[in-house]
N, C-alpha and C. Protein backbone atom coordinates (compact mmCIF):
# COMPACT_ATOMS: atom_id res chain seq x y z
N MET A 1 10.19 115.13 -5.84
CA MET A 1 10.18 113.65 -5.64
C MET A 1 8.45 114.10 -5.60
N ALA A 2 7.49 113.56 -6.52
CA ALA A 2 6.39 113.20 -6.67
C ALA A 2 5.58 112.68 -5.35
N GLY A 3 4.88 113.02 -4.96
CA GLY A 3 3.94 112.40 -3.58
C GLY A 3 4.64 113.08 -2.39
N CYS A 4 5.63 113.74 -2.03
CA CYS A 4 5.95 113.87 -0.87
C CYS A 4 4.76 114.56 0.38
N GLY A 5 4.21 115.47 -0.61
CA GLY A 5 2.46 115.82 0.46
C GLY A 5 2.11 114.88 1.10
N VAL A 6 2.05 113.11 0.87
CA VAL A 6 1.31 112.26 1.08
C VAL A 6 1.66 111.91 2.51
N VAL A 7 3.38 112.25 2.73
CA VAL A 7 4.50 111.90 3.92
C VAL A 7 4.04 113.27 4.39
N ALA A 8 4.54 114.34 3.96
CA ALA A 8 4.21 115.57 5.02
C ALA A 8 2.98 115.35 6.18
N ALA A 9 2.22 114.73 6.18
CA ALA A 9 0.94 114.47 6.78
C ALA A 9 1.27 113.47 7.63
N VAL A 10 2.03 112.41 7.53
CA VAL A 10 2.81 111.72 8.84
C VAL A 10 4.17 112.16 9.38
N ARG A 11 4.22 112.92 9.42
CA ARG A 11 5.25 114.41 9.88
C ARG A 11 5.55 113.64 10.90
N SER A 12 6.29 113.36 11.70
CA SER A 12 6.65 113.14 13.66
C SER A 12 6.50 114.50 14.00
N ARG A 13 5.64 114.12 15.51
CA ARG A 13 5.79 115.26 16.55
C ARG A 13 7.14 115.87 16.87
N ALA A 14 7.72 115.15 16.43
CA ALA A 14 9.85 116.01 17.10
C ALA A 14 9.71 116.28 16.07
N GLU A 15 9.57 116.89 14.78
CA GLU A 15 10.41 117.04 13.93
C GLU A 15 10.03 119.02 13.75
N PRO A 16 10.28 119.83 13.98
CA PRO A 16 9.75 121.08 13.86
C PRO A 16 9.33 121.36 12.68
N PRO A 17 8.39 122.21 12.39
CA PRO A 17 6.91 122.44 11.19
C PRO A 17 8.46 122.95 10.27
N GLY A 18 9.44 123.19 10.03
CA GLY A 18 9.96 123.45 8.69
C GLY A 18 10.88 122.43 8.46
N GLY A 19 11.09 121.30 8.97
CA GLY A 19 11.34 120.70 8.43
C GLY A 19 12.80 120.30 10.11
N PRO A 20 13.66 119.44 10.11
CA PRO A 20 14.47 119.46 10.80
C PRO A 20 15.57 120.14 11.11
N SER A 21 15.83 120.54 12.55
CA SER A 21 17.40 122.03 12.29
C SER A 21 18.38 121.55 11.82
N PRO A 22 19.09 122.22 11.39
CA PRO A 22 20.02 122.31 10.26
C PRO A 22 21.32 122.07 11.45
N ARG A 23 21.87 121.90 11.00
CA ARG A 23 23.09 121.45 11.75
C ARG A 23 24.19 121.26 10.75
N ALA A 24 25.82 121.95 11.87
CA ALA A 24 26.94 122.19 11.01
C ALA A 24 27.30 120.87 11.02
N LEU A 25 27.83 120.74 9.87
CA LEU A 25 29.63 119.44 9.76
C LEU A 25 30.00 120.48 9.91
N PRO A 26 31.32 119.74 9.96
CA PRO A 26 32.87 120.03 9.82
C PRO A 26 32.63 119.37 8.21
N SER A 27 33.76 120.61 7.57
CA SER A 27 34.07 120.11 5.47
C SER A 27 34.61 119.14 5.76
N SER A 28 34.98 118.54 6.45
CA SER A 28 35.46 117.24 5.45
C SER A 28 34.84 115.51 6.14
N ALA A 29 33.60 115.79 7.09
CA ALA A 29 32.08 115.17 7.16
C ALA A 29 30.87 115.64 6.46
N ARG A 30 31.10 116.63 5.45
CA ARG A 30 29.62 117.01 4.63
C ARG A 30 29.98 116.42 3.58
N PRO A 31 28.91 115.37 3.78
CA PRO A 31 28.70 115.01 1.93
C PRO A 31 28.29 115.50 0.88
N ALA A 32 29.11 115.37 -0.48
CA ALA A 32 28.99 116.13 -1.24
C ALA A 32 27.63 116.10 -1.79
N PRO A 33 26.93 117.14 -2.91
CA PRO A 33 25.47 117.62 -2.88
C PRO A 33 25.01 116.37 -3.48
N ASP A 34 25.18 116.03 -3.76
CA ASP A 34 24.44 113.98 -5.06
C ASP A 34 24.50 113.13 -2.96
N ASP A 35 25.68 113.11 -2.62
CA ASP A 35 24.39 112.29 -1.54
C ASP A 35 23.83 113.42 -0.64
N ARG A 36 23.44 114.14 -0.60
CA ARG A 36 22.96 114.37 0.70
C ARG A 36 22.26 114.94 -0.67
N GLU A 37 21.26 115.11 -1.95
CA GLU A 37 20.05 114.51 -2.09
C GLU A 37 19.34 113.28 -2.48
N HIS A 38 20.78 112.64 -1.96
CA HIS A 38 20.15 110.96 -2.34
C HIS A 38 20.00 110.37 -0.69
N ALA A 39 20.49 111.31 -0.09
CA ALA A 39 19.70 110.56 1.29
C ALA A 39 18.53 110.94 1.54
N GLY A 40 18.45 112.41 0.86
CA GLY A 40 16.96 113.15 1.58
C GLY A 40 15.85 111.87 0.38
N MET A 41 16.50 111.65 -0.54
CA MET A 41 15.79 111.18 -2.00
C MET A 41 15.20 109.52 -0.83
N ILE A 42 16.09 109.29 -0.28
CA ILE A 42 15.74 108.11 0.51
C ILE A 42 14.85 108.08 1.44
N ARG A 43 15.00 109.09 2.18
CA ARG A 43 14.62 109.37 3.40
C ARG A 43 13.29 109.29 3.59
N ARG A 44 12.66 110.86 2.62
CA ARG A 44 11.51 110.75 1.61
C ARG A 44 10.40 109.32 1.04
N GLY A 45 11.56 108.60 0.76
CA GLY A 45 11.32 108.00 0.13
C GLY A 45 10.38 106.22 0.84
N ALA A 46 10.78 106.73 2.78
CA ALA A 46 10.78 105.75 3.05
C ALA A 46 9.88 106.09 4.17
N LYS A 47 9.49 107.40 4.43
CA LYS A 47 8.48 107.55 4.64
C LYS A 47 7.22 108.01 3.79
N LEU A 48 6.97 107.85 2.09
CA LEU A 48 6.24 107.54 1.93
C LEU A 48 5.80 106.40 1.19
N ALA A 49 6.64 105.47 1.52
CA ALA A 49 6.45 103.82 2.08
C ALA A 49 5.58 103.72 3.09
N TYR A 50 6.28 104.32 3.91
CA TYR A 50 5.46 103.78 5.60
C TYR A 50 3.98 104.57 5.24
N ALA A 51 3.90 105.69 5.07
CA ALA A 51 2.40 106.47 4.85
C ALA A 51 1.22 105.28 4.28
N PHE A 52 1.65 104.96 2.81
CA PHE A 52 1.48 103.89 2.15
C PHE A 52 0.35 102.71 2.56
N ALA A 53 1.30 102.28 3.19
CA ALA A 53 1.76 101.15 4.49
C ALA A 53 0.47 101.35 5.55
N GLU A 54 0.53 102.13 5.86
CA GLU A 54 -0.27 102.48 7.52
C GLU A 54 -2.37 103.42 7.07
N ALA A 55 -2.27 103.45 5.35
CA ALA A 55 -3.38 103.72 4.96
C ALA A 55 -4.10 102.70 5.59
N THR A 56 -5.26 103.41 6.25
CA THR A 56 -6.97 102.70 6.04
C THR A 56 -7.42 102.87 5.42
N VAL A 57 -7.93 103.91 4.19
CA VAL A 57 -8.57 104.68 3.30
C VAL A 57 -8.45 102.73 1.79
N PRO A 58 -9.35 103.01 1.61
CA PRO A 58 -9.01 102.53 0.08
C PRO A 58 -8.53 102.72 -0.64
N ARG A 59 -7.39 102.05 -1.03
CA ARG A 59 -6.25 101.75 -1.90
C ARG A 59 -6.21 101.10 -3.54
N ILE A 60 -6.19 102.05 -4.35
CA ILE A 60 -6.87 101.62 -5.84
C ILE A 60 -5.22 101.99 -6.37
N THR A 61 -4.78 101.25 -7.50
CA THR A 61 -3.28 101.79 -7.67
C THR A 61 -4.35 101.53 -9.41
N LEU A 62 -3.63 103.25 -10.27
CA LEU A 62 -3.52 102.64 -12.16
C LEU A 62 -2.92 103.03 -12.35
N VAL A 63 -1.62 102.03 -12.98
CA VAL A 63 -0.75 102.10 -13.74
C VAL A 63 -0.68 102.51 -15.43
N LEU A 64 -0.82 103.74 -15.42
CA LEU A 64 -0.55 104.55 -16.88
C LEU A 64 0.46 104.15 -17.55
N ARG A 65 1.62 104.05 -17.52
CA ARG A 65 2.59 103.94 -18.35
C ARG A 65 3.69 103.33 -17.85
N LYS A 66 4.26 103.87 -16.88
CA LYS A 66 5.61 102.61 -16.63
C LYS A 66 6.42 102.59 -14.65
N ALA A 67 6.13 101.47 -14.90
CA ALA A 67 6.41 100.86 -12.96
C ALA A 67 7.42 100.34 -12.86
N TYR A 68 8.22 100.73 -13.02
CA TYR A 68 10.17 100.17 -12.58
C TYR A 68 10.40 100.02 -10.68
N GLY A 69 10.71 98.83 -10.39
CA GLY A 69 10.98 98.54 -9.19
C GLY A 69 11.31 98.91 -8.19
N GLY A 70 11.21 100.21 -7.13
CA GLY A 70 10.86 100.02 -6.31
C GLY A 70 9.96 100.82 -5.39
N GLY A 71 10.22 101.80 -7.06
CA GLY A 71 8.68 102.74 -6.87
C GLY A 71 8.12 102.18 -7.10
N TYR A 72 7.88 101.51 -7.75
CA TYR A 72 6.27 100.65 -8.25
C TYR A 72 6.16 100.11 -6.76
N GLY A 73 6.54 99.47 -5.72
CA GLY A 73 6.83 98.26 -5.20
C GLY A 73 6.09 98.98 -4.02
N VAL A 74 6.79 100.47 -3.69
CA VAL A 74 5.70 101.77 -2.67
C VAL A 74 5.32 102.18 -2.86
N MET A 75 4.66 102.70 -4.52
CA MET A 75 3.71 102.64 -4.61
C MET A 75 2.11 102.37 -4.95
N GLY A 76 1.79 102.04 -4.16
CA GLY A 76 0.34 101.38 -3.95
C GLY A 76 0.44 99.91 -4.57
N SER A 77 1.42 99.13 -4.35
CA SER A 77 1.45 97.51 -5.33
C SER A 77 0.80 97.05 -4.92
N GLU A 78 0.98 95.72 -5.09
CA GLU A 78 -0.19 94.85 -4.24
C GLU A 78 0.18 94.28 -3.68
N HIS A 79 1.66 94.37 -3.60
CA HIS A 79 3.19 93.77 -2.72
C HIS A 79 2.69 93.97 -0.91
N LEU A 80 2.36 96.01 -1.16
CA LEU A 80 2.34 97.36 -0.27
C LEU A 80 0.72 96.34 0.31
N GLY A 81 -0.19 96.34 -0.08
CA GLY A 81 -1.47 95.95 0.58
C GLY A 81 -2.20 97.04 0.51
N ALA A 82 -1.84 96.83 -1.56
CA ALA A 82 -3.35 98.16 -2.30
C ALA A 82 -4.70 96.95 -2.20
N ASP A 83 -5.67 97.42 -2.74
CA ASP A 83 -6.92 96.70 -2.37
C ASP A 83 -7.46 96.48 -3.75
N MET A 84 -7.32 96.86 -4.23
CA MET A 84 -7.56 96.82 -6.06
C MET A 84 -5.88 97.61 -7.21
N ASN A 85 -5.86 97.07 -8.02
CA ASN A 85 -4.75 97.18 -8.94
C ASN A 85 -5.06 96.70 -10.27
N PHE A 86 -5.01 98.47 -10.94
CA PHE A 86 -5.17 97.67 -12.31
C PHE A 86 -4.18 98.89 -13.30
N ALA A 87 -4.54 98.52 -14.94
CA ALA A 87 -2.38 98.97 -15.81
C ALA A 87 -3.55 99.16 -16.66
N TRP A 88 -3.21 100.00 -17.49
CA TRP A 88 -3.62 100.32 -19.06
C TRP A 88 -2.70 99.02 -19.99
N PRO A 89 -3.67 98.88 -20.85
CA PRO A 89 -2.07 97.51 -22.02
C PRO A 89 -1.46 98.34 -22.24
N THR A 90 -0.72 99.59 -22.42
CA THR A 90 0.33 100.57 -22.58
C THR A 90 1.82 100.86 -21.86
N ALA A 91 0.56 99.82 -20.57
CA ALA A 91 2.11 100.34 -18.45
C ALA A 91 3.19 98.91 -18.94
N GLU A 92 4.12 99.18 -18.33
CA GLU A 92 5.01 98.56 -18.20
C GLU A 92 5.10 98.49 -17.11
N ILE A 93 5.21 97.26 -16.23
CA ILE A 93 5.47 96.96 -15.16
C ILE A 93 6.75 95.90 -14.78
N ALA A 94 7.95 95.87 -14.82
CA ALA A 94 9.00 95.74 -14.11
C ALA A 94 10.53 96.10 -13.35
N VAL A 95 11.39 95.42 -13.39
CA VAL A 95 12.22 95.77 -12.13
C VAL A 95 13.17 97.11 -12.52
N MET A 96 13.57 96.75 -14.05
CA MET A 96 13.76 98.37 -14.64
C MET A 96 13.21 98.35 -16.37
N GLY A 97 13.41 98.98 -16.73
CA GLY A 97 13.24 99.73 -17.91
C GLY A 97 14.34 98.84 -18.80
N ALA A 98 14.24 98.39 -20.55
CA ALA A 98 14.90 97.37 -20.99
C ALA A 98 16.08 98.33 -21.38
N PRO A 99 16.66 99.33 -21.24
CA PRO A 99 17.78 100.09 -21.46
C PRO A 99 18.50 99.49 -20.62
N ALA A 100 18.55 99.61 -19.18
CA ALA A 100 19.19 99.01 -17.71
C ALA A 100 19.43 97.93 -18.05
N ALA A 101 18.18 97.15 -17.72
CA ALA A 101 18.40 95.85 -17.65
C ALA A 101 19.01 95.48 -18.75
N VAL A 102 19.11 95.28 -19.74
CA VAL A 102 20.23 95.01 -21.07
C VAL A 102 21.51 95.45 -21.02
N ASP A 103 21.75 96.42 -20.69
CA ASP A 103 23.40 97.00 -19.97
C ASP A 103 23.86 96.15 -18.61
N ILE A 104 22.57 95.23 -18.22
CA ILE A 104 23.17 95.13 -16.68
C ILE A 104 23.39 93.27 -17.47
N LEU A 105 22.54 93.15 -17.44
CA LEU A 105 21.95 90.94 -17.89
C LEU A 105 23.08 90.65 -19.30
N HIS A 106 23.28 92.03 -20.37
CA HIS A 106 24.22 90.99 -21.34
C HIS A 106 25.22 91.94 -21.51
N ARG A 107 25.89 92.51 -20.73
CA ARG A 107 26.91 93.26 -20.78
C ARG A 107 28.18 92.57 -21.75
N ALA A 108 28.15 91.53 -21.05
CA ALA A 108 29.34 90.78 -21.71
C ALA A 108 29.09 90.69 -23.34
N GLU A 109 27.89 90.02 -23.79
CA GLU A 109 27.65 89.40 -25.12
C GLU A 109 27.90 91.27 -25.99
N LEU A 110 27.42 92.16 -25.22
CA LEU A 110 27.13 93.76 -25.89
C LEU A 110 29.32 93.85 -25.94
N ALA A 111 30.14 93.60 -24.66
CA ALA A 111 31.63 93.95 -25.42
C ALA A 111 31.70 93.54 -26.52
N THR A 112 31.76 91.94 -26.58
CA THR A 112 31.97 91.20 -28.17
C THR A 112 31.04 90.92 -29.06
N ALA A 113 30.21 91.91 -29.41
CA ALA A 113 29.25 91.63 -30.52
C ALA A 113 29.90 92.38 -31.08
N ALA A 114 29.89 92.14 -32.53
CA ALA A 114 30.23 93.03 -33.72
C ALA A 114 30.16 94.27 -34.14
N GLU A 115 28.95 94.32 -33.81
CA GLU A 115 28.15 95.33 -34.22
C GLU A 115 26.93 95.61 -32.52
N PRO A 116 27.66 96.53 -31.43
CA PRO A 116 26.89 96.05 -30.39
C PRO A 116 25.78 97.12 -30.09
N GLU A 117 25.50 98.47 -30.64
CA GLU A 117 24.09 99.13 -31.08
C GLU A 117 22.75 97.96 -31.69
N GLN A 118 23.13 97.97 -32.95
CA GLN A 118 21.87 97.17 -33.37
C GLN A 118 21.87 95.30 -32.34
N ALA A 119 23.04 95.33 -31.88
CA ALA A 119 22.62 94.03 -31.00
C ALA A 119 21.87 94.74 -29.75
N ARG A 120 22.58 95.52 -28.99
CA ARG A 120 21.35 96.31 -28.00
C ARG A 120 20.23 96.51 -28.20
N ALA A 121 20.14 97.24 -29.48
CA ALA A 121 18.50 97.54 -30.14
C ALA A 121 17.56 95.98 -29.78
N LYS A 122 18.11 94.90 -30.89
CA LYS A 122 18.01 94.03 -30.54
C LYS A 122 16.91 93.17 -29.54
N LEU A 123 18.03 93.54 -28.69
CA LEU A 123 17.86 92.37 -26.95
C LEU A 123 17.22 93.65 -26.79
N MET A 124 17.13 94.63 -26.75
CA MET A 124 16.20 96.01 -25.37
C MET A 124 14.66 95.20 -26.26
N GLU A 125 14.64 94.60 -27.21
CA GLU A 125 13.87 94.57 -28.54
C GLU A 125 12.89 93.43 -27.78
N ASP A 126 13.42 92.60 -27.49
CA ASP A 126 13.21 91.18 -26.91
C ASP A 126 12.86 91.97 -25.77
N TYR A 127 13.17 92.00 -24.22
CA TYR A 127 13.12 92.03 -23.01
C TYR A 127 11.60 92.99 -23.18
N GLN A 128 11.67 94.04 -23.67
CA GLN A 128 10.37 94.67 -23.69
C GLN A 128 9.42 93.84 -24.28
N ALA A 129 9.63 93.10 -25.23
CA ALA A 129 8.74 92.08 -25.78
C ALA A 129 8.13 91.33 -24.17
N LYS A 130 9.30 90.63 -23.98
CA LYS A 130 8.73 89.50 -22.70
C LYS A 130 8.36 90.13 -21.69
N TYR A 131 9.10 91.29 -20.71
CA TYR A 131 8.48 91.70 -19.36
C TYR A 131 8.19 92.95 -19.87
N GLY A 132 7.84 93.78 -21.38
CA GLY A 132 7.35 95.45 -20.49
C GLY A 132 5.71 95.37 -21.26
N SER A 133 4.85 93.99 -20.85
CA SER A 133 3.86 94.46 -20.65
C SER A 133 2.92 94.14 -19.20
N PRO A 134 1.81 95.03 -19.39
CA PRO A 134 1.30 94.93 -18.11
C PRO A 134 1.05 92.96 -17.77
N TYR A 135 0.24 92.56 -18.76
CA TYR A 135 -0.43 91.30 -18.93
C TYR A 135 0.29 90.40 -17.97
N LEU A 136 1.59 90.17 -17.37
CA LEU A 136 2.51 88.81 -17.20
C LEU A 136 3.00 89.60 -15.42
N ALA A 137 2.50 90.43 -15.06
CA ALA A 137 2.33 91.20 -14.24
C ALA A 137 0.87 90.16 -13.98
N ALA A 138 -0.62 91.09 -14.43
CA ALA A 138 -1.51 89.76 -14.47
C ALA A 138 -1.51 88.11 -14.53
N GLU A 139 -0.60 88.17 -15.05
CA GLU A 139 -0.51 86.46 -14.48
C GLU A 139 -0.57 86.66 -13.13
N ARG A 140 0.68 86.89 -12.60
CA ARG A 140 1.63 87.00 -11.79
C ARG A 140 0.41 87.17 -10.38
N GLY A 141 -0.63 88.30 -10.78
CA GLY A 141 -1.28 88.29 -9.64
C GLY A 141 -0.71 89.54 -8.66
N PHE A 142 -0.16 90.56 -9.53
CA PHE A 142 0.24 91.57 -8.74
C PHE A 142 -0.63 92.43 -10.03
N ILE A 143 -1.30 92.55 -10.71
CA ILE A 143 -2.85 92.95 -11.22
C ILE A 143 -4.69 92.27 -11.83
N ASP A 144 -5.22 93.01 -10.87
CA ASP A 144 -6.31 92.43 -10.36
C ASP A 144 -6.67 92.71 -11.96
N ALA A 145 -6.57 93.32 -12.76
CA ALA A 145 -7.04 93.60 -14.49
C ALA A 145 -6.48 94.71 -15.13
N VAL A 146 -6.26 94.44 -17.06
CA VAL A 146 -5.61 95.60 -18.04
C VAL A 146 -6.62 96.14 -17.84
N ILE A 147 -7.42 97.38 -18.23
CA ILE A 147 -8.53 98.17 -18.66
C ILE A 147 -8.32 98.16 -19.21
N PRO A 148 -8.80 98.81 -20.51
CA PRO A 148 -8.52 100.43 -21.55
C PRO A 148 -9.33 101.32 -21.31
N PRO A 149 -8.12 102.65 -21.44
CA PRO A 149 -7.99 104.17 -20.73
C PRO A 149 -10.00 104.44 -20.67
N ALA A 150 -10.97 104.03 -21.66
CA ALA A 150 -11.83 105.00 -21.55
C ALA A 150 -12.66 104.38 -20.42
N ASP A 151 -12.51 102.61 -20.15
CA ASP A 151 -12.68 102.30 -18.42
C ASP A 151 -12.20 102.62 -17.53
N SER A 152 -11.15 103.62 -17.89
CA SER A 152 -10.80 103.62 -16.11
C SER A 152 -12.00 104.54 -15.23
N ARG A 153 -12.29 104.93 -15.50
CA ARG A 153 -13.11 105.70 -14.20
C ARG A 153 -13.92 104.82 -14.09
N ARG A 154 -15.29 104.43 -14.64
CA ARG A 154 -15.89 103.41 -14.86
C ARG A 154 -15.90 102.19 -13.38
N GLN A 155 -14.17 101.99 -13.59
CA GLN A 155 -12.99 100.16 -13.08
C GLN A 155 -13.56 101.06 -11.38
N ILE A 156 -12.32 102.46 -12.02
CA ILE A 156 -12.30 102.94 -10.21
C ILE A 156 -13.76 103.02 -9.58
N ALA A 157 -14.53 103.90 -10.30
CA ALA A 157 -15.74 103.98 -9.17
C ALA A 157 -16.45 102.71 -8.81
N ALA A 158 -15.98 101.51 -9.66
CA ALA A 158 -16.76 100.24 -9.34
C ALA A 158 -15.93 99.82 -8.23
N ALA A 159 -14.62 100.00 -7.96
CA ALA A 159 -14.19 99.09 -6.62
C ALA A 159 -14.34 100.21 -5.71
N LEU A 160 -14.24 101.72 -5.79
CA LEU A 160 -14.71 102.11 -5.13
C LEU A 160 -15.71 102.22 -4.16
N ARG A 161 -16.87 101.89 -4.74
CA ARG A 161 -18.13 101.17 -4.51
C ARG A 161 -18.57 99.49 -3.80
N LEU A 162 -17.41 98.79 -4.05
CA LEU A 162 -16.67 97.46 -4.01
C LEU A 162 -15.76 97.69 -2.17
N LEU A 163 -15.13 98.48 -2.07
CA LEU A 163 -14.36 98.80 -1.61
C LEU A 163 -15.37 99.25 0.12
N SER A 164 -16.48 100.51 -0.60
CA SER A 164 -17.18 101.19 0.83
C SER A 164 -17.68 99.90 1.68
N ARG A 165 -18.08 98.49 1.28
CA ARG A 165 -19.15 98.03 1.73
C ARG A 165 -17.62 96.86 2.90
N ARG A 166 -16.29 97.30 2.56
CA ARG A 166 -15.50 96.53 3.46
C ARG A 166 -15.20 96.84 4.89
N PRO A 167 -15.36 96.24 5.71
CA PRO A 167 -15.24 96.33 7.24
C PRO A 167 -14.04 97.14 7.59
N LEU A 168 -13.44 98.29 8.52
CA LEU A 168 -12.63 98.95 8.71
C LEU A 168 -12.26 97.59 9.46
N ALA A 169 -10.49 97.31 9.02
CA ALA A 169 -9.52 96.51 9.75
C ALA A 169 -8.96 96.86 11.24
N GLU A 170 -9.46 96.42 12.06
CA GLU A 170 -8.87 96.98 13.77
C GLU A 170 -7.04 96.76 12.54
N ARG A 171 -6.17 98.12 13.47
CA ARG A 171 -5.38 98.57 13.94
C ARG A 171 -4.65 97.59 14.65
N THR A 172 -3.07 97.30 14.50
CA THR A 172 -2.55 96.47 15.63
C THR A 172 -2.61 96.66 16.90
N ALA A 173 -1.35 98.21 16.58
CA ALA A 173 -1.03 99.45 17.01
C ALA A 173 -1.37 100.05 17.53
N LYS A 174 -0.97 101.60 17.98
CA LYS A 174 -2.01 103.06 18.29
C LYS A 174 -1.08 103.21 17.22
N HIS A 175 0.01 103.33 17.29
CA HIS A 175 0.41 104.19 16.10
C HIS A 175 1.77 103.35 15.63
N GLY A 176 2.68 103.60 14.97
CA GLY A 176 3.99 103.13 14.47
C GLY A 176 4.94 103.32 14.32
N ASN A 177 6.40 103.18 13.76
CA ASN A 177 7.30 103.29 13.88
C ASN A 177 7.79 104.31 12.67
N ILE A 178 7.64 105.67 12.22
CA ILE A 178 7.50 106.05 11.07
C ILE A 178 9.05 106.05 10.68
N PRO A 179 9.76 105.67 9.88
CA PRO A 179 11.33 105.66 9.80
C PRO A 179 11.24 107.59 9.57
N LEU A 180 12.38 108.77 10.11
CA LEU A 180 12.66 109.16 10.53
C LEU A 180 14.01 109.53 9.89
């Protein structure tokens, strides 16, 4: 999972360096491999969200391509308290991608369509046109600016200069409650 190195920096002192101690479960209680992987991703995702939320350094986000759902929410979004958020004009910021959204939102319509593949393609095109650009996110205040790729370095440097003058926020607690 990308970004787990960030999480490693906020590991619990109670957890041994190599990770938690392995525990043997009776074969009937062992989760399937997919379940174990899913549980690990959720645990690591929670740690990543915690690390981003607790960071006291300037947080600047630049969405290059796709930012969907919870991944967008915890990877430095406005909702999690990022200081500056930028996106390229080609970025997609939405709850989910067009194929999954169309399959869920228009399931009944696709089931009764004479030509489901053509109907699905048209619905995906409409969804992409309506929700697939960063301009809707910018309108709603989730993105501070939609910038051309050539201006990225300049915009990020300007944001860092601006944020360097910001006073450090007082922490409300000495330490947080990291999800383990």
